[in-house]
Amino acid sequence: MPSTTDEDLDDQKTDTAAEDTATSDGDATEGPADAASEPGSAADGENDDAEPATPGRRRRRFLVGALAALAVAGFATSGYLGWQLWHDRQVEQAAAQAQTAAVAYAQVLTSIDSNNVDENFAQVLDGSTGEFRDMYTKSSTQLRQLLIDNEASARGVVLESAVQSASENQVVVLLFVDQSVQNASVPDPRIDRSRIKMTMDYVDGRWRASQVELP
C-alpha cells in the first residue's frame, strides 16, 4: 500500500480550500438574484404602486368626491334660500310702505277746496310721477278754473285698501274711497263711492303715484 507523504497532504489541503472558495463565491453570486425574485421585495413594491387602484380605493375616492359635491350644493342652496328670504322681506316692506303712501295720496287726490286750489294742486303734483304727473299737469289749468267757478269742494276717505302686486320698486294698490262732494249747484254734500287702482313707484327715496285708474 503506497504511503502518503507530507507533500501529498499539502496538495489535498490546497484543493479543499479552492473548492470551499468556489462554493462561497457561488453562494454570493446567487444571493442578489434570489433576493430580487422573492415576493415582497423593493422591486415588487414599486410595481404595486404603478398598478391601477383597487375597487376599494375607487369607492373611497367616489365617496369623497360625492361628499364634496354635496357640501358645495348645500352651501349654494343655503345661499340661495338666504337671498330669497331677504328678497321676500324687502318686497313685503316695500308693499307695506307703498300701501301707506297710496292711502295718504288717495285722500289728497280726492280732497279739494276751491279756496285753496293752488295748494291742493301742489300737493297732488308733489306725490305724483311719470305718466300721471304729466296728465295732471296738462289738465290742471282747466280743472282749476272749473273748481273755482263752481265753488266746488270735496273730501275723500279711504275705506279699504289692498296690495294687488308688488316688487321692490313698484307696487299696485287697490283702494275703496268715499268722497263727499258739494258745489254751488248742490250745496248739500253727496257721497260718491269709487274704486281706484293706483300704481306706486319708488322715486327719489319716496313712493309716488305713476298711474291712477278708475276701473
N, C-alpha and C. Protein backbone atom coordinates (compact mmCIF):
# COMPACT_ATOMS: atom_id res chain seq x y z
N MET A 1 0.88 -1.18 0.00
CA MET A 1 0.00 0.00 0.00
C MET A 1 0.90 1.21 0.00
N PRO A 2 0.63 2.16 -0.95
CA PRO A 2 1.55 3.31 -1.06
C PRO A 2 1.43 4.18 0.15
N SER A 3 2.46 4.80 0.49
CA SER A 3 2.49 5.68 1.67
C SER A 3 2.19 7.11 1.25
N THR A 4 1.58 7.87 2.22
CA THR A 4 1.19 9.26 1.94
C THR A 4 2.27 10.16 2.51
N THR A 5 2.79 10.94 1.63
CA THR A 5 3.87 11.83 2.05
C THR A 5 3.32 13.15 2.48
N ASP A 6 4.17 13.96 3.09
CA ASP A 6 3.75 15.31 3.53
C ASP A 6 3.37 16.17 2.36
N GLU A 7 3.99 15.99 1.21
CA GLU A 7 3.66 16.81 0.03
C GLU A 7 2.25 16.50 -0.45
N ASP A 8 1.92 15.18 -0.40
CA ASP A 8 0.56 14.80 -0.84
C ASP A 8 -0.48 15.45 0.07
N LEU A 9 -0.25 15.49 1.38
CA LEU A 9 -1.20 16.11 2.30
C LEU A 9 -1.36 17.59 2.03
N ASP A 10 -0.24 18.23 1.74
CA ASP A 10 -0.32 19.67 1.43
C ASP A 10 -1.13 19.90 0.17
N ASP A 11 -0.98 19.04 -0.85
CA ASP A 11 -1.76 19.21 -2.10
C ASP A 11 -3.24 19.03 -1.83
N GLN A 12 -3.61 18.08 -1.02
CA GLN A 12 -5.04 17.85 -0.73
C GLN A 12 -5.66 19.05 0.01
N LYS A 13 -4.91 19.60 0.96
CA LYS A 13 -5.41 20.78 1.69
C LYS A 13 -5.65 21.94 0.74
N THR A 14 -4.72 22.11 -0.22
CA THR A 14 -4.85 23.22 -1.18
C THR A 14 -6.08 23.05 -2.04
N ASP A 15 -6.34 21.78 -2.51
CA ASP A 15 -7.53 21.50 -3.36
C ASP A 15 -8.82 21.75 -2.57
N THR A 16 -8.82 21.32 -1.31
CA THR A 16 -10.02 21.50 -0.47
C THR A 16 -10.33 22.97 -0.25
N ALA A 17 -9.33 23.81 -0.03
CA ALA A 17 -9.51 25.25 0.19
C ALA A 17 -10.03 25.91 -1.06
N ALA A 18 -9.57 25.46 -2.24
CA ALA A 18 -10.04 26.04 -3.51
C ALA A 18 -11.50 25.74 -3.73
N GLU A 19 -11.93 24.49 -3.40
CA GLU A 19 -13.34 24.12 -3.56
C GLU A 19 -14.23 24.95 -2.63
N ASP A 20 -13.76 25.14 -1.38
CA ASP A 20 -14.55 25.93 -0.42
C ASP A 20 -14.72 27.37 -0.91
N THR A 21 -13.64 27.92 -1.51
CA THR A 21 -13.71 29.29 -2.02
C THR A 21 -14.68 29.40 -3.16
N ALA A 22 -14.66 28.43 -4.06
CA ALA A 22 -15.57 28.44 -5.21
C ALA A 22 -17.01 28.37 -4.76
N THR A 23 -17.24 27.50 -3.74
CA THR A 23 -18.62 27.35 -3.22
C THR A 23 -19.10 28.65 -2.62
N SER A 24 -18.23 29.33 -1.86
CA SER A 24 -18.60 30.61 -1.24
C SER A 24 -18.91 31.65 -2.29
N ASP A 25 -18.07 31.67 -3.35
CA ASP A 25 -18.32 32.66 -4.43
C ASP A 25 -19.63 32.38 -5.12
N GLY A 26 -19.99 31.13 -5.31
CA GLY A 26 -21.26 30.79 -5.97
C GLY A 26 -22.43 31.23 -5.14
N ASP A 27 -22.36 31.04 -3.81
CA ASP A 27 -23.48 31.48 -2.93
C ASP A 27 -23.62 32.97 -2.96
N ALA A 28 -22.50 33.69 -3.01
CA ALA A 28 -22.58 35.16 -3.02
C ALA A 28 -23.18 35.65 -4.30
N THR A 29 -22.90 34.98 -5.41
CA THR A 29 -23.44 35.40 -6.71
C THR A 29 -24.93 35.17 -6.78
N GLU A 30 -25.39 34.07 -6.22
CA GLU A 30 -26.82 33.76 -6.28
C GLU A 30 -27.64 34.62 -5.33
N GLY A 31 -27.08 35.22 -4.33
CA GLY A 31 -27.83 35.98 -3.30
C GLY A 31 -28.68 37.10 -3.88
N PRO A 32 -28.11 38.05 -4.63
CA PRO A 32 -28.92 39.16 -5.16
C PRO A 32 -30.02 38.70 -6.07
N ALA A 33 -29.77 37.72 -6.92
CA ALA A 33 -30.79 37.24 -7.84
C ALA A 33 -31.95 36.66 -7.09
N ASP A 34 -31.61 35.86 -6.05
CA ASP A 34 -32.70 35.27 -5.25
C ASP A 34 -33.49 36.33 -4.53
N ALA A 35 -32.78 37.35 -4.04
CA ALA A 35 -33.49 38.42 -3.31
C ALA A 35 -34.42 39.15 -4.23
N ALA A 36 -33.99 39.36 -5.49
CA ALA A 36 -34.83 40.09 -6.44
C ALA A 36 -36.06 39.30 -6.80
N SER A 37 -35.93 37.95 -6.76
CA SER A 37 -37.06 37.12 -7.16
C SER A 37 -38.02 36.85 -6.03
N GLU A 38 -37.63 37.17 -4.77
CA GLU A 38 -38.51 36.88 -3.65
C GLU A 38 -39.68 37.83 -3.62
N PRO A 39 -40.88 37.34 -3.30
CA PRO A 39 -42.04 38.23 -3.19
C PRO A 39 -41.85 39.20 -2.05
N GLY A 40 -42.46 40.44 -2.21
CA GLY A 40 -42.37 41.43 -1.15
C GLY A 40 -41.11 42.24 -1.23
N SER A 41 -40.25 42.03 -2.26
CA SER A 41 -39.02 42.79 -2.39
C SER A 41 -39.32 44.21 -2.80
N ALA A 42 -38.28 45.09 -2.80
CA ALA A 42 -38.46 46.51 -3.15
C ALA A 42 -38.93 46.65 -4.57
N ALA A 43 -38.44 45.81 -5.48
CA ALA A 43 -38.85 45.91 -6.88
C ALA A 43 -40.32 45.61 -7.01
N ASP A 44 -40.79 44.56 -6.29
CA ASP A 44 -42.23 44.25 -6.34
C ASP A 44 -43.04 45.40 -5.79
N GLY A 45 -42.56 46.09 -4.76
CA GLY A 45 -43.27 47.23 -4.17
C GLY A 45 -43.47 48.33 -5.18
N GLU A 46 -42.39 48.58 -5.98
CA GLU A 46 -42.52 49.61 -7.00
C GLU A 46 -43.57 49.24 -8.03
N ASN A 47 -43.62 48.00 -8.42
CA ASN A 47 -44.62 47.56 -9.39
C ASN A 47 -46.03 47.69 -8.82
N ASP A 48 -46.19 47.43 -7.50
CA ASP A 48 -47.51 47.54 -6.88
C ASP A 48 -48.02 48.98 -6.92
N ASP A 49 -47.12 49.95 -6.72
CA ASP A 49 -47.55 51.35 -6.74
C ASP A 49 -48.01 51.75 -8.12
N ALA A 50 -47.46 51.18 -9.13
CA ALA A 50 -47.82 51.54 -10.50
C ALA A 50 -49.10 50.88 -10.95
N GLU A 51 -49.59 49.90 -10.23
CA GLU A 51 -50.80 49.19 -10.62
C GLU A 51 -52.04 50.05 -10.41
N PRO A 52 -53.15 49.88 -11.18
CA PRO A 52 -54.39 50.65 -11.01
C PRO A 52 -54.95 50.49 -9.61
N ALA A 53 -55.78 51.53 -9.18
CA ALA A 53 -56.38 51.48 -7.85
C ALA A 53 -57.35 50.32 -7.75
N THR A 54 -57.44 49.77 -6.59
CA THR A 54 -58.34 48.66 -6.36
C THR A 54 -59.77 49.18 -6.27
N PRO A 55 -60.80 48.30 -6.42
CA PRO A 55 -62.19 48.74 -6.28
C PRO A 55 -62.46 49.45 -4.97
N GLY A 56 -61.80 49.00 -3.88
CA GLY A 56 -61.99 49.66 -2.59
C GLY A 56 -61.52 51.10 -2.63
N ARG A 57 -60.36 51.32 -3.25
CA ARG A 57 -59.85 52.68 -3.35
C ARG A 57 -60.76 53.54 -4.22
N ARG A 58 -61.25 52.99 -5.33
CA ARG A 58 -62.14 53.77 -6.20
C ARG A 58 -63.41 54.16 -5.48
N ARG A 59 -63.96 53.25 -4.67
CA ARG A 59 -65.17 53.58 -3.91
C ARG A 59 -64.91 54.70 -2.92
N ARG A 60 -63.76 54.64 -2.25
CA ARG A 60 -63.43 55.70 -1.29
C ARG A 60 -63.30 57.05 -1.98
N ARG A 61 -62.63 57.03 -3.14
CA ARG A 61 -62.47 58.28 -3.88
C ARG A 61 -63.83 58.81 -4.35
N PHE A 62 -64.70 57.92 -4.79
CA PHE A 62 -66.03 58.33 -5.24
C PHE A 62 -66.83 58.94 -4.08
N LEU A 63 -66.76 58.30 -2.92
CA LEU A 63 -67.48 58.81 -1.76
C LEU A 63 -66.98 60.19 -1.35
N VAL A 64 -65.65 60.36 -1.37
CA VAL A 64 -65.08 61.67 -1.02
C VAL A 64 -65.54 62.73 -2.01
N GLY A 65 -65.52 62.40 -3.31
CA GLY A 65 -65.97 63.35 -4.32
C GLY A 65 -67.45 63.67 -4.17
N ALA A 66 -68.26 62.65 -3.89
CA ALA A 66 -69.69 62.86 -3.72
C ALA A 66 -69.99 63.75 -2.52
N LEU A 67 -69.27 63.49 -1.42
CA LEU A 67 -69.47 64.32 -0.23
C LEU A 67 -69.07 65.77 -0.48
N ALA A 68 -68.00 65.97 -1.22
CA ALA A 68 -67.57 67.33 -1.54
C ALA A 68 -68.61 68.03 -2.41
N ALA A 69 -69.16 67.29 -3.40
CA ALA A 69 -70.19 67.88 -4.26
C ALA A 69 -71.44 68.23 -3.46
N LEU A 70 -71.82 67.35 -2.53
CA LEU A 70 -72.99 67.63 -1.69
C LEU A 70 -72.76 68.85 -0.81
N ALA A 71 -71.54 68.99 -0.31
CA ALA A 71 -71.23 70.15 0.54
C ALA A 71 -71.34 71.44 -0.26
N VAL A 72 -70.79 71.43 -1.48
CA VAL A 72 -70.88 72.62 -2.33
C VAL A 72 -72.33 72.94 -2.66
N ALA A 73 -73.10 71.89 -3.01
CA ALA A 73 -74.51 72.09 -3.32
C ALA A 73 -75.27 72.62 -2.11
N GLY A 74 -74.91 72.11 -0.93
CA GLY A 74 -75.57 72.58 0.30
C GLY A 74 -75.31 74.05 0.55
N PHE A 75 -74.05 74.47 0.37
CA PHE A 75 -73.72 75.88 0.56
C PHE A 75 -74.46 76.75 -0.46
N ALA A 76 -74.53 76.28 -1.70
CA ALA A 76 -75.21 77.05 -2.75
C ALA A 76 -76.69 77.18 -2.44
N THR A 77 -77.30 76.07 -2.01
CA THR A 77 -78.73 76.10 -1.68
C THR A 77 -79.01 77.02 -0.50
N SER A 78 -78.15 76.93 0.51
CA SER A 78 -78.32 77.80 1.68
C SER A 78 -78.19 79.27 1.29
N GLY A 79 -77.23 79.55 0.42
CA GLY A 79 -77.05 80.94 -0.03
C GLY A 79 -78.25 81.43 -0.80
N TYR A 80 -78.80 80.58 -1.68
CA TYR A 80 -79.97 80.99 -2.47
C TYR A 80 -81.18 81.20 -1.57
N LEU A 81 -81.40 80.28 -0.63
CA LEU A 81 -82.54 80.41 0.27
C LEU A 81 -82.42 81.66 1.13
N GLY A 82 -81.18 81.94 1.57
CA GLY A 82 -80.97 83.16 2.35
C GLY A 82 -81.26 84.40 1.55
N TRP A 83 -80.81 84.41 0.28
CA TRP A 83 -81.09 85.56 -0.59
C TRP A 83 -82.59 85.67 -0.85
N GLN A 84 -83.26 84.54 -1.09
CA GLN A 84 -84.70 84.56 -1.36
C GLN A 84 -85.47 85.10 -0.16
N LEU A 85 -85.06 84.69 1.04
CA LEU A 85 -85.72 85.18 2.25
C LEU A 85 -85.52 86.68 2.39
N TRP A 86 -84.29 87.13 2.15
CA TRP A 86 -84.01 88.57 2.22
C TRP A 86 -84.84 89.33 1.18
N HIS A 87 -84.91 88.80 -0.02
CA HIS A 87 -85.67 89.46 -1.10
C HIS A 87 -87.15 89.53 -0.76
N ASP A 88 -87.69 88.45 -0.23
CA ASP A 88 -89.11 88.43 0.15
C ASP A 88 -89.41 89.48 1.22
N ARG A 89 -88.50 89.62 2.16
CA ARG A 89 -88.69 90.63 3.21
C ARG A 89 -88.64 92.03 2.63
N GLN A 90 -87.73 92.24 1.65
CA GLN A 90 -87.64 93.54 1.01
C GLN A 90 -88.94 93.89 0.28
N VAL A 91 -89.51 92.90 -0.41
CA VAL A 91 -90.76 93.12 -1.14
C VAL A 91 -91.91 93.39 -0.18
N GLU A 92 -91.96 92.63 0.91
CA GLU A 92 -93.01 92.85 1.91
C GLU A 92 -92.92 94.26 2.50
N GLN A 93 -91.71 94.68 2.79
CA GLN A 93 -91.52 96.02 3.34
C GLN A 93 -91.92 97.08 2.32
N ALA A 94 -91.54 96.88 1.05
CA ALA A 94 -91.91 97.82 0.00
C ALA A 94 -93.42 97.90 -0.16
N ALA A 95 -94.10 96.75 -0.11
CA ALA A 95 -95.56 96.72 -0.26
C ALA A 95 -96.24 97.49 0.85
N ALA A 96 -95.77 97.28 2.07
CA ALA A 96 -96.39 97.98 3.21
C ALA A 96 -96.19 99.49 3.12
N GLN A 97 -94.98 99.90 2.76
CA GLN A 97 -94.71 101.34 2.66
C GLN A 97 -95.50 101.97 1.51
N ALA A 98 -95.56 101.29 0.37
CA ALA A 98 -96.29 101.83 -0.77
C ALA A 98 -97.79 101.89 -0.49
N GLN A 99 -98.32 100.91 0.20
CA GLN A 99 -99.74 100.92 0.55
C GLN A 99 -100.07 102.11 1.45
N THR A 100 -99.24 102.36 2.44
CA THR A 100 -99.45 103.51 3.33
C THR A 100 -99.40 104.81 2.55
N ALA A 101 -98.42 104.92 1.63
CA ALA A 101 -98.30 106.13 0.82
C ALA A 101 -99.49 106.29 -0.13
N ALA A 102 -99.98 105.19 -0.66
CA ALA A 102 -101.13 105.25 -1.59
C ALA A 102 -102.40 105.70 -0.87
N VAL A 103 -102.62 105.22 0.35
CA VAL A 103 -103.80 105.63 1.12
C VAL A 103 -103.75 107.14 1.38
N ALA A 104 -102.59 107.63 1.81
CA ALA A 104 -102.46 109.07 2.08
C ALA A 104 -102.64 109.88 0.81
N TYR A 105 -102.07 109.40 -0.30
CA TYR A 105 -102.17 110.16 -1.55
C TYR A 105 -103.58 110.14 -2.11
N ALA A 106 -104.30 109.04 -1.96
CA ALA A 106 -105.68 108.97 -2.45
C ALA A 106 -106.56 110.00 -1.74
N GLN A 107 -106.30 110.20 -0.47
CA GLN A 107 -107.08 111.19 0.27
C GLN A 107 -106.73 112.61 -0.18
N VAL A 108 -105.46 112.85 -0.52
CA VAL A 108 -105.07 114.15 -1.07
C VAL A 108 -105.72 114.36 -2.43
N LEU A 109 -105.72 113.32 -3.25
CA LEU A 109 -106.22 113.40 -4.62
C LEU A 109 -107.73 113.63 -4.67
N THR A 110 -108.46 113.08 -3.71
CA THR A 110 -109.93 113.17 -3.74
C THR A 110 -110.46 114.28 -2.82
N SER A 111 -109.55 115.04 -2.25
CA SER A 111 -109.98 116.17 -1.41
C SER A 111 -109.55 117.47 -2.07
N ILE A 112 -110.49 118.42 -2.16
CA ILE A 112 -110.21 119.67 -2.85
C ILE A 112 -111.01 120.80 -2.20
N ASP A 113 -110.43 121.98 -2.22
CA ASP A 113 -111.12 123.17 -1.71
C ASP A 113 -110.88 124.29 -2.71
N SER A 114 -111.95 124.81 -3.30
CA SER A 114 -111.80 125.86 -4.31
C SER A 114 -111.12 127.10 -3.76
N ASN A 115 -111.16 127.30 -2.46
CA ASN A 115 -110.49 128.45 -1.85
C ASN A 115 -108.99 128.24 -1.70
N ASN A 116 -108.54 126.98 -1.79
CA ASN A 116 -107.10 126.67 -1.66
C ASN A 116 -106.65 125.77 -2.80
N VAL A 117 -107.18 126.03 -3.99
CA VAL A 117 -106.97 125.13 -5.10
C VAL A 117 -105.49 125.01 -5.47
N ASP A 118 -104.75 126.11 -5.41
CA ASP A 118 -103.33 126.06 -5.79
C ASP A 118 -102.53 125.18 -4.82
N GLU A 119 -102.85 125.28 -3.56
CA GLU A 119 -102.18 124.44 -2.56
C GLU A 119 -102.52 122.96 -2.77
N ASN A 120 -103.80 122.70 -3.08
CA ASN A 120 -104.21 121.32 -3.35
C ASN A 120 -103.48 120.75 -4.55
N PHE A 121 -103.38 121.53 -5.62
CA PHE A 121 -102.71 121.07 -6.83
C PHE A 121 -101.22 120.79 -6.57
N ALA A 122 -100.61 121.65 -5.76
CA ALA A 122 -99.19 121.46 -5.45
C ALA A 122 -98.98 120.14 -4.71
N GLN A 123 -99.89 119.81 -3.81
CA GLN A 123 -99.79 118.55 -3.08
C GLN A 123 -99.97 117.35 -4.00
N VAL A 124 -100.91 117.47 -4.93
CA VAL A 124 -101.13 116.37 -5.88
C VAL A 124 -99.90 116.15 -6.75
N LEU A 125 -99.32 117.22 -7.26
CA LEU A 125 -98.13 117.09 -8.11
C LEU A 125 -96.94 116.57 -7.32
N ASP A 126 -96.82 116.94 -6.05
CA ASP A 126 -95.70 116.51 -5.22
C ASP A 126 -95.71 115.00 -5.01
N GLY A 127 -96.89 114.41 -4.98
CA GLY A 127 -96.98 112.97 -4.74
C GLY A 127 -97.09 112.13 -5.99
N SER A 128 -96.89 112.77 -7.16
CA SER A 128 -97.06 112.05 -8.43
C SER A 128 -95.75 111.95 -9.19
N THR A 129 -95.73 111.10 -10.20
CA THR A 129 -94.56 110.93 -11.05
C THR A 129 -94.99 110.32 -12.38
N GLY A 130 -94.13 110.38 -13.35
CA GLY A 130 -94.36 109.69 -14.61
C GLY A 130 -95.60 110.11 -15.35
N GLU A 131 -96.33 109.11 -15.85
CA GLU A 131 -97.49 109.33 -16.70
C GLU A 131 -98.58 110.15 -16.02
N PHE A 132 -98.88 109.81 -14.76
CA PHE A 132 -99.96 110.52 -14.08
C PHE A 132 -99.58 111.98 -13.83
N ARG A 133 -98.36 112.25 -13.50
CA ARG A 133 -97.92 113.63 -13.28
C ARG A 133 -98.07 114.45 -14.55
N ASP A 134 -97.65 113.87 -15.67
CA ASP A 134 -97.76 114.58 -16.95
C ASP A 134 -99.22 114.89 -17.29
N MET A 135 -100.09 113.90 -17.11
CA MET A 135 -101.51 114.08 -17.42
C MET A 135 -102.15 115.14 -16.52
N TYR A 136 -101.85 115.08 -15.24
CA TYR A 136 -102.45 116.04 -14.29
C TYR A 136 -101.94 117.46 -14.56
N THR A 137 -100.66 117.59 -14.90
CA THR A 137 -100.11 118.91 -15.20
C THR A 137 -100.80 119.54 -16.41
N LYS A 138 -101.07 118.74 -17.43
CA LYS A 138 -101.71 119.26 -18.64
C LYS A 138 -103.15 119.69 -18.39
N SER A 139 -103.85 118.98 -17.51
CA SER A 139 -105.27 119.28 -17.28
C SER A 139 -105.50 120.22 -16.09
N SER A 140 -104.46 120.57 -15.36
CA SER A 140 -104.64 121.32 -14.12
C SER A 140 -105.20 122.73 -14.35
N THR A 141 -104.80 123.40 -15.43
CA THR A 141 -105.27 124.77 -15.67
C THR A 141 -106.78 124.81 -15.88
N GLN A 142 -107.29 123.92 -16.74
CA GLN A 142 -108.73 123.87 -16.99
C GLN A 142 -109.49 123.43 -15.75
N LEU A 143 -108.97 122.42 -15.04
CA LEU A 143 -109.62 121.91 -13.84
C LEU A 143 -109.66 122.98 -12.75
N ARG A 144 -108.59 123.70 -12.62
CA ARG A 144 -108.53 124.77 -11.61
C ARG A 144 -109.65 125.78 -11.80
N GLN A 145 -109.82 126.25 -13.03
CA GLN A 145 -110.85 127.25 -13.28
C GLN A 145 -112.25 126.69 -13.07
N LEU A 146 -112.45 125.42 -13.41
CA LEU A 146 -113.75 124.77 -13.22
C LEU A 146 -114.11 124.68 -11.74
N LEU A 147 -113.17 124.34 -10.93
CA LEU A 147 -113.41 124.25 -9.49
C LEU A 147 -113.74 125.62 -8.88
N ILE A 148 -113.02 126.64 -9.31
CA ILE A 148 -113.25 127.98 -8.78
C ILE A 148 -114.62 128.50 -9.20
N ASP A 149 -114.98 128.31 -10.47
CA ASP A 149 -116.26 128.81 -10.99
C ASP A 149 -117.44 128.14 -10.29
N ASN A 150 -117.31 126.89 -9.95
CA ASN A 150 -118.43 126.15 -9.34
C ASN A 150 -118.35 126.11 -7.81
N GLU A 151 -117.34 126.77 -7.26
CA GLU A 151 -117.16 126.78 -5.81
C GLU A 151 -117.23 125.35 -5.24
N ALA A 152 -116.51 124.48 -5.89
CA ALA A 152 -116.56 123.06 -5.55
C ALA A 152 -115.62 122.73 -4.41
N SER A 153 -116.02 121.72 -3.67
CA SER A 153 -115.15 121.19 -2.61
C SER A 153 -115.44 119.70 -2.46
N ALA A 154 -114.47 118.98 -2.00
CA ALA A 154 -114.64 117.54 -1.81
C ALA A 154 -113.70 117.06 -0.72
N ARG A 155 -114.11 115.95 -0.11
CA ARG A 155 -113.26 115.34 0.92
C ARG A 155 -113.33 113.83 0.76
N GLY A 156 -112.17 113.22 0.57
CA GLY A 156 -112.12 111.79 0.36
C GLY A 156 -111.62 111.03 1.57
N VAL A 157 -112.18 109.86 1.77
CA VAL A 157 -111.78 108.98 2.87
C VAL A 157 -111.59 107.57 2.31
N VAL A 158 -110.45 106.98 2.55
CA VAL A 158 -110.18 105.61 2.10
C VAL A 158 -110.78 104.64 3.10
N LEU A 159 -111.70 103.81 2.62
CA LEU A 159 -112.35 102.83 3.49
C LEU A 159 -111.52 101.55 3.60
N GLU A 160 -111.01 101.09 2.48
CA GLU A 160 -110.22 99.86 2.47
C GLU A 160 -109.14 99.97 1.40
N SER A 161 -108.08 99.20 1.60
CA SER A 161 -107.01 99.14 0.60
C SER A 161 -106.36 97.77 0.64
N ALA A 162 -105.78 97.39 -0.48
CA ALA A 162 -105.11 96.09 -0.56
C ALA A 162 -104.05 96.15 -1.65
N VAL A 163 -102.98 95.40 -1.45
CA VAL A 163 -101.91 95.33 -2.44
C VAL A 163 -102.26 94.26 -3.47
N GLN A 164 -102.28 94.67 -4.73
CA GLN A 164 -102.56 93.71 -5.81
C GLN A 164 -101.30 92.99 -6.28
N SER A 165 -100.22 93.73 -6.43
CA SER A 165 -98.94 93.14 -6.82
C SER A 165 -97.82 94.01 -6.27
N ALA A 166 -96.64 93.41 -6.12
CA ALA A 166 -95.54 94.17 -5.50
C ALA A 166 -94.19 93.67 -5.97
N SER A 167 -93.28 94.61 -6.12
CA SER A 167 -91.86 94.33 -6.29
C SER A 167 -91.13 95.35 -5.42
N GLU A 168 -89.81 95.33 -5.48
CA GLU A 168 -89.06 96.23 -4.61
C GLU A 168 -89.25 97.69 -4.98
N ASN A 169 -89.54 97.98 -6.26
CA ASN A 169 -89.61 99.37 -6.72
C ASN A 169 -90.96 99.78 -7.28
N GLN A 170 -91.90 98.85 -7.36
CA GLN A 170 -93.23 99.19 -7.88
C GLN A 170 -94.29 98.34 -7.21
N VAL A 171 -95.38 98.99 -6.77
CA VAL A 171 -96.45 98.30 -6.07
C VAL A 171 -97.78 98.81 -6.61
N VAL A 172 -98.70 97.90 -6.88
CA VAL A 172 -100.04 98.26 -7.33
C VAL A 172 -101.01 98.08 -6.17
N VAL A 173 -101.76 99.15 -5.85
CA VAL A 173 -102.64 99.16 -4.69
C VAL A 173 -104.08 99.43 -5.15
N LEU A 174 -105.00 98.66 -4.62
CA LEU A 174 -106.43 98.88 -4.86
C LEU A 174 -107.02 99.60 -3.65
N LEU A 175 -107.83 100.64 -3.92
CA LEU A 175 -108.39 101.44 -2.83
C LEU A 175 -109.89 101.65 -3.05
N PHE A 176 -110.66 101.58 -1.97
CA PHE A 176 -112.08 101.90 -1.99
C PHE A 176 -112.26 103.22 -1.24
N VAL A 177 -112.80 104.22 -1.95
CA VAL A 177 -112.83 105.58 -1.42
C VAL A 177 -114.26 106.11 -1.39
N ASP A 178 -114.61 106.73 -0.28
CA ASP A 178 -115.85 107.52 -0.18
C ASP A 178 -115.46 108.99 -0.31
N GLN A 179 -116.14 109.69 -1.22
CA GLN A 179 -115.84 111.10 -1.45
C GLN A 179 -117.10 111.94 -1.25
N SER A 180 -117.02 112.85 -0.32
CA SER A 180 -118.13 113.77 -0.07
C SER A 180 -117.93 115.00 -0.95
N VAL A 181 -118.89 115.29 -1.84
CA VAL A 181 -118.75 116.35 -2.84
C VAL A 181 -119.89 117.35 -2.71
N GLN A 182 -119.56 118.63 -2.87
CA GLN A 182 -120.59 119.66 -2.93
C GLN A 182 -120.08 120.83 -3.76
N ASN A 183 -121.02 121.61 -4.32
CA ASN A 183 -120.66 122.79 -5.11
C ASN A 183 -121.81 123.79 -5.03
N ALA A 184 -121.72 124.87 -5.80
CA ALA A 184 -122.73 125.94 -5.72
C ALA A 184 -124.10 125.43 -6.15
N SER A 185 -124.14 124.52 -7.07
CA SER A 185 -125.42 123.99 -7.55
C SER A 185 -125.99 122.94 -6.60
N VAL A 186 -125.14 122.21 -5.92
CA VAL A 186 -125.57 121.16 -4.99
C VAL A 186 -124.94 121.45 -3.63
N PRO A 187 -125.56 122.33 -2.84
CA PRO A 187 -124.95 122.71 -1.57
C PRO A 187 -124.92 121.59 -0.54
N ASP A 188 -125.83 120.65 -0.65
CA ASP A 188 -125.84 119.53 0.29
C ASP A 188 -124.85 118.46 -0.19
N PRO A 189 -123.95 118.06 0.67
CA PRO A 189 -122.94 117.08 0.24
C PRO A 189 -123.57 115.75 -0.19
N ARG A 190 -122.99 115.17 -1.21
CA ARG A 190 -123.40 113.83 -1.64
C ARG A 190 -122.16 112.93 -1.57
N ILE A 191 -122.42 111.64 -1.44
CA ILE A 191 -121.32 110.67 -1.30
C ILE A 191 -121.11 109.93 -2.62
N ASP A 192 -119.94 110.02 -3.13
CA ASP A 192 -119.54 109.24 -4.30
C ASP A 192 -118.58 108.15 -3.84
N ARG A 193 -118.89 106.93 -4.22
CA ARG A 193 -118.02 105.81 -3.86
C ARG A 193 -117.31 105.31 -5.11
N SER A 194 -116.03 105.19 -4.99
CA SER A 194 -115.23 104.81 -6.15
C SER A 194 -114.15 103.81 -5.77
N ARG A 195 -113.71 103.09 -6.79
CA ARG A 195 -112.63 102.12 -6.65
C ARG A 195 -111.46 102.63 -7.47
N ILE A 196 -110.32 102.77 -6.84
CA ILE A 196 -109.14 103.34 -7.50
C ILE A 196 -108.02 102.30 -7.54
N LYS A 197 -107.42 102.18 -8.72
CA LYS A 197 -106.24 101.34 -8.87
C LYS A 197 -105.04 102.27 -9.05
N MET A 198 -104.13 102.22 -8.11
CA MET A 198 -103.01 103.16 -8.09
C MET A 198 -101.69 102.42 -8.15
N THR A 199 -100.86 102.80 -9.13
CA THR A 199 -99.52 102.23 -9.26
C THR A 199 -98.53 103.18 -8.60
N MET A 200 -97.80 102.64 -7.62
CA MET A 200 -96.84 103.43 -6.87
C MET A 200 -95.42 103.03 -7.28
N ASP A 201 -94.61 104.04 -7.62
CA ASP A 201 -93.20 103.82 -7.98
C ASP A 201 -92.30 104.45 -6.92
N TYR A 202 -91.19 103.77 -6.63
CA TYR A 202 -90.23 104.31 -5.66
C TYR A 202 -89.26 105.21 -6.41
N VAL A 203 -89.41 106.52 -6.21
CA VAL A 203 -88.62 107.52 -6.96
C VAL A 203 -88.02 108.52 -5.97
N ASP A 204 -86.71 108.71 -6.07
CA ASP A 204 -86.02 109.70 -5.22
C ASP A 204 -86.31 109.48 -3.74
N GLY A 205 -86.31 108.23 -3.33
CA GLY A 205 -86.47 107.92 -1.91
C GLY A 205 -87.89 108.01 -1.40
N ARG A 206 -88.88 108.11 -2.30
CA ARG A 206 -90.28 108.21 -1.88
C ARG A 206 -91.16 107.39 -2.80
N TRP A 207 -92.31 106.99 -2.27
CA TRP A 207 -93.31 106.29 -3.08
C TRP A 207 -94.25 107.34 -3.67
N ARG A 208 -94.37 107.33 -5.02
CA ARG A 208 -95.19 108.30 -5.72
C ARG A 208 -96.11 107.59 -6.70
N ALA A 209 -97.23 108.21 -7.01
CA ALA A 209 -98.22 107.61 -7.90
C ALA A 209 -97.81 107.88 -9.36
N SER A 210 -97.64 106.81 -10.13
CA SER A 210 -97.30 106.95 -11.55
C SER A 210 -98.52 106.70 -12.44
N GLN A 211 -99.51 106.00 -11.92
CA GLN A 211 -100.77 105.77 -12.67
C GLN A 211 -101.92 105.75 -11.68
N VAL A 212 -103.05 106.37 -12.09
CA VAL A 212 -104.26 106.34 -11.28
C VAL A 212 -105.42 106.00 -12.20
N GLU A 213 -106.07 104.90 -11.93
CA GLU A 213 -107.16 104.41 -12.79
C GLU A 213 -108.41 104.22 -11.96
N LEU A 214 -109.56 104.37 -12.65
CA LEU A 214 -110.86 104.08 -12.05
C LEU A 214 -111.47 102.91 -12.81
N PRO A 215 -111.09 101.70 -12.46
CA PRO A 215 -111.55 100.50 -13.22
C PRO A 215 -113.04 100.23 -13.02
